[in-house]
Amino acid sequence: MTSSSPAKAPRSARAPERTEPAASYEAALAELEQLVAQLEGGQLPLDQLLTRYQRGAELLAFCRSRLEAVENQIKVLEGGELKPWDSQ
């Protein structure tokens, strides 16, 4: 039995949906920069736009959490208070 509804594009023709965590802060930042460029390009279909926006939000949260963790480690090393980078 055949369906008269339009066929969806095969999964291989679409951008892969990435839900795995980033390998590192640097990898997350690089992927986030690529996503921003794609989103700003304005050429994505709505479903891909939403998927990439969601991935960008995940990557942003990951980067923020990594930066917070590093900041907390620096606080420990500095005796409980963050000091400006330029003070020696």
N, C-alpha and C. Protein backbone atom coordinates (compact mmCIF):
# COMPACT_ATOMS: atom_id res chain seq x y z
N MET A 1 0.83 -1.16 0.00
CA MET A 1 0.00 0.00 0.00
C MET A 1 0.88 1.24 0.00
N THR A 2 0.61 2.17 -0.90
CA THR A 2 1.44 3.37 -0.99
C THR A 2 0.75 4.55 -0.33
N SER A 3 1.54 5.46 0.13
CA SER A 3 1.02 6.65 0.81
C SER A 3 1.14 7.84 -0.12
N SER A 4 0.17 8.73 -0.07
CA SER A 4 0.22 9.91 -0.92
C SER A 4 0.87 11.10 -0.23
N SER A 5 1.26 10.92 1.02
CA SER A 5 1.93 12.02 1.74
C SER A 5 3.35 12.15 1.23
N PRO A 6 3.89 13.39 1.27
CA PRO A 6 5.25 13.58 0.78
C PRO A 6 6.26 12.83 1.64
N ALA A 7 7.24 12.28 0.98
CA ALA A 7 8.27 11.50 1.69
C ALA A 7 9.23 12.45 2.38
N LYS A 8 9.66 12.05 3.54
CA LYS A 8 10.67 12.83 4.25
C LYS A 8 12.02 12.55 3.63
N ALA A 9 12.92 13.52 3.79
CA ALA A 9 14.27 13.33 3.28
C ALA A 9 14.93 12.21 4.07
N PRO A 10 15.71 11.37 3.41
CA PRO A 10 16.40 10.31 4.15
C PRO A 10 17.30 10.91 5.21
N ARG A 11 17.49 10.17 6.27
CA ARG A 11 18.29 10.64 7.40
C ARG A 11 19.69 11.06 6.96
N SER A 12 20.27 10.36 6.00
CA SER A 12 21.61 10.69 5.53
C SER A 12 21.65 12.03 4.80
N ALA A 13 20.53 12.49 4.27
CA ALA A 13 20.50 13.76 3.56
C ALA A 13 20.41 14.94 4.53
N ARG A 14 19.98 14.67 5.74
CA ARG A 14 19.88 15.72 6.75
C ARG A 14 21.16 15.78 7.56
N ALA A 15 21.35 16.91 8.24
CA ALA A 15 22.50 17.03 9.14
C ALA A 15 22.29 16.07 10.30
N PRO A 16 23.34 15.41 10.75
CA PRO A 16 23.19 14.47 11.86
C PRO A 16 22.81 15.21 13.13
N GLU A 17 21.91 14.61 13.90
CA GLU A 17 21.54 15.19 15.17
C GLU A 17 22.57 14.76 16.20
N ARG A 18 23.22 15.74 16.82
CA ARG A 18 24.29 15.44 17.76
C ARG A 18 23.77 15.69 19.17
N THR A 19 23.77 14.66 19.95
CA THR A 19 23.34 14.81 21.33
C THR A 19 24.41 14.34 22.29
N GLU A 20 25.52 13.84 21.78
CA GLU A 20 26.59 13.39 22.67
C GLU A 20 27.27 14.61 23.28
N PRO A 21 27.81 14.45 24.49
CA PRO A 21 28.50 15.57 25.13
C PRO A 21 29.77 15.93 24.37
N ALA A 22 30.17 17.16 24.52
CA ALA A 22 31.40 17.61 23.87
C ALA A 22 32.61 16.94 24.52
N ALA A 23 33.64 16.71 23.74
CA ALA A 23 34.84 16.04 24.24
C ALA A 23 35.65 16.97 25.14
N SER A 24 35.62 18.25 24.85
CA SER A 24 36.39 19.22 25.63
C SER A 24 35.76 20.59 25.46
N TYR A 25 36.23 21.53 26.26
CA TYR A 25 35.77 22.91 26.14
C TYR A 25 36.10 23.44 24.74
N GLU A 26 37.29 23.17 24.28
CA GLU A 26 37.72 23.67 22.97
C GLU A 26 36.86 23.08 21.84
N ALA A 27 36.56 21.78 21.93
CA ALA A 27 35.72 21.15 20.91
C ALA A 27 34.32 21.73 20.94
N ALA A 28 33.78 21.95 22.14
CA ALA A 28 32.45 22.52 22.27
C ALA A 28 32.41 23.93 21.70
N LEU A 29 33.43 24.71 21.98
CA LEU A 29 33.48 26.08 21.48
C LEU A 29 33.57 26.11 19.95
N ALA A 30 34.38 25.23 19.39
CA ALA A 30 34.51 25.17 17.93
C ALA A 30 33.18 24.77 17.29
N GLU A 31 32.50 23.78 17.86
CA GLU A 31 31.20 23.36 17.32
C GLU A 31 30.17 24.48 17.47
N LEU A 32 30.21 25.16 18.60
CA LEU A 32 29.28 26.26 18.84
C LEU A 32 29.50 27.38 17.82
N GLU A 33 30.74 27.68 17.50
CA GLU A 33 31.03 28.71 16.49
C GLU A 33 30.49 28.30 15.13
N GLN A 34 30.60 27.02 14.78
CA GLN A 34 30.06 26.53 13.50
C GLN A 34 28.54 26.65 13.48
N LEU A 35 27.92 26.31 14.60
CA LEU A 35 26.46 26.40 14.67
C LEU A 35 25.99 27.84 14.54
N VAL A 36 26.68 28.76 15.18
CA VAL A 36 26.30 30.17 15.09
C VAL A 36 26.39 30.64 13.64
N ALA A 37 27.45 30.25 12.95
CA ALA A 37 27.61 30.64 11.54
C ALA A 37 26.46 30.08 10.70
N GLN A 38 26.07 28.84 10.95
CA GLN A 38 24.96 28.23 10.21
C GLN A 38 23.65 28.95 10.51
N LEU A 39 23.42 29.25 11.78
CA LEU A 39 22.18 29.92 12.17
C LEU A 39 22.11 31.33 11.58
N GLU A 40 23.23 32.03 11.60
CA GLU A 40 23.27 33.38 11.06
C GLU A 40 23.15 33.39 9.54
N GLY A 41 23.49 32.27 8.91
CA GLY A 41 23.40 32.17 7.45
C GLY A 41 21.98 32.28 6.94
N GLY A 42 21.02 31.89 7.76
CA GLY A 42 19.62 32.01 7.40
C GLY A 42 19.15 31.08 6.30
N GLN A 43 19.86 30.02 6.03
CA GLN A 43 19.51 29.12 4.93
C GLN A 43 18.98 27.78 5.39
N LEU A 44 18.76 27.60 6.69
CA LEU A 44 18.33 26.31 7.21
C LEU A 44 16.81 26.19 7.24
N PRO A 45 16.30 25.00 6.96
CA PRO A 45 14.87 24.75 7.15
C PRO A 45 14.54 24.85 8.65
N LEU A 46 13.31 25.10 8.95
CA LEU A 46 12.89 25.35 10.33
C LEU A 46 13.24 24.21 11.27
N ASP A 47 13.03 22.95 10.87
CA ASP A 47 13.34 21.84 11.77
C ASP A 47 14.83 21.75 12.08
N GLN A 48 15.68 22.00 11.09
CA GLN A 48 17.13 21.99 11.33
C GLN A 48 17.55 23.19 12.16
N LEU A 49 16.89 24.31 11.96
CA LEU A 49 17.17 25.50 12.75
C LEU A 49 16.92 25.24 14.23
N LEU A 50 15.81 24.62 14.52
CA LEU A 50 15.47 24.31 15.91
C LEU A 50 16.45 23.30 16.50
N THR A 51 16.78 22.27 15.75
CA THR A 51 17.71 21.25 16.23
C THR A 51 19.08 21.85 16.52
N ARG A 52 19.56 22.69 15.64
CA ARG A 52 20.87 23.32 15.85
C ARG A 52 20.84 24.32 16.99
N TYR A 53 19.73 25.01 17.15
CA TYR A 53 19.60 25.94 18.27
C TYR A 53 19.66 25.17 19.59
N GLN A 54 18.97 24.04 19.64
CA GLN A 54 18.98 23.22 20.86
C GLN A 54 20.39 22.71 21.15
N ARG A 55 21.09 22.26 20.13
CA ARG A 55 22.46 21.79 20.31
C ARG A 55 23.36 22.94 20.80
N GLY A 56 23.15 24.11 20.24
CA GLY A 56 23.91 25.28 20.67
C GLY A 56 23.67 25.59 22.14
N ALA A 57 22.42 25.47 22.58
CA ALA A 57 22.11 25.70 24.00
C ALA A 57 22.82 24.68 24.88
N GLU A 58 22.87 23.42 24.44
CA GLU A 58 23.59 22.38 25.19
C GLU A 58 25.08 22.70 25.28
N LEU A 59 25.65 23.10 24.16
CA LEU A 59 27.08 23.41 24.13
C LEU A 59 27.39 24.64 24.99
N LEU A 60 26.52 25.63 24.95
CA LEU A 60 26.72 26.82 25.77
C LEU A 60 26.69 26.47 27.25
N ALA A 61 25.74 25.63 27.65
CA ALA A 61 25.67 25.19 29.05
C ALA A 61 26.92 24.42 29.44
N PHE A 62 27.41 23.56 28.55
CA PHE A 62 28.63 22.81 28.81
C PHE A 62 29.82 23.75 29.01
N CYS A 63 29.97 24.73 28.11
CA CYS A 63 31.09 25.67 28.20
C CYS A 63 31.01 26.48 29.50
N ARG A 64 29.83 26.93 29.83
CA ARG A 64 29.67 27.70 31.07
C ARG A 64 30.02 26.86 32.30
N SER A 65 29.61 25.60 32.30
CA SER A 65 29.90 24.75 33.45
C SER A 65 31.40 24.47 33.56
N ARG A 66 32.07 24.29 32.42
CA ARG A 66 33.52 24.07 32.45
C ARG A 66 34.25 25.32 32.95
N LEU A 67 33.82 26.49 32.49
CA LEU A 67 34.44 27.73 32.95
C LEU A 67 34.22 27.94 34.45
N GLU A 68 33.03 27.62 34.93
CA GLU A 68 32.74 27.73 36.36
C GLU A 68 33.61 26.77 37.16
N ALA A 69 33.79 25.55 36.66
CA ALA A 69 34.63 24.57 37.35
C ALA A 69 36.08 25.06 37.43
N VAL A 70 36.58 25.62 36.35
CA VAL A 70 37.95 26.13 36.35
C VAL A 70 38.06 27.32 37.30
N GLU A 71 37.07 28.19 37.29
CA GLU A 71 37.07 29.33 38.20
C GLU A 71 37.10 28.87 39.66
N ASN A 72 36.34 27.84 39.97
CA ASN A 72 36.33 27.30 41.33
C ASN A 72 37.69 26.70 41.70
N GLN A 73 38.34 26.05 40.76
CA GLN A 73 39.67 25.50 41.01
C GLN A 73 40.68 26.62 41.26
N ILE A 74 40.55 27.71 40.51
CA ILE A 74 41.45 28.85 40.70
C ILE A 74 41.22 29.47 42.07
N LYS A 75 39.96 29.56 42.49
CA LYS A 75 39.66 30.10 43.82
C LYS A 75 40.35 29.27 44.90
N VAL A 76 40.33 27.97 44.76
CA VAL A 76 40.98 27.09 45.73
C VAL A 76 42.49 27.37 45.74
N LEU A 77 43.07 27.49 44.57
CA LEU A 77 44.51 27.73 44.47
C LEU A 77 44.90 29.11 44.99
N GLU A 78 44.00 30.07 44.88
CA GLU A 78 44.28 31.43 45.31
C GLU A 78 43.82 31.70 46.74
N GLY A 79 43.45 30.69 47.48
CA GLY A 79 43.05 30.86 48.87
C GLY A 79 41.66 31.40 49.06
N GLY A 80 40.75 31.09 48.15
CA GLY A 80 39.35 31.45 48.33
C GLY A 80 38.87 32.69 47.62
N GLU A 81 39.78 33.46 47.00
CA GLU A 81 39.32 34.64 46.27
C GLU A 81 40.00 34.71 44.91
N LEU A 82 39.21 35.14 43.93
CA LEU A 82 39.77 35.31 42.60
C LEU A 82 40.54 36.61 42.54
N LYS A 83 41.70 36.55 41.94
CA LYS A 83 42.51 37.74 41.79
C LYS A 83 42.58 38.08 40.30
N PRO A 84 42.65 39.36 39.97
CA PRO A 84 42.75 39.72 38.55
C PRO A 84 44.02 39.14 37.94
N TRP A 85 43.95 38.81 36.64
CA TRP A 85 45.09 38.20 35.97
C TRP A 85 46.31 39.10 35.97
N ASP A 86 46.12 40.44 35.92
CA ASP A 86 47.24 41.34 35.79
C ASP A 86 47.94 41.66 37.11
N SER A 87 47.39 41.24 38.25
CA SER A 87 48.06 41.54 39.53
C SER A 87 49.08 40.44 39.84
N GLN A 88 50.30 40.81 40.01
CA GLN A 88 51.37 39.86 40.29
C GLN A 88 52.00 40.14 41.63
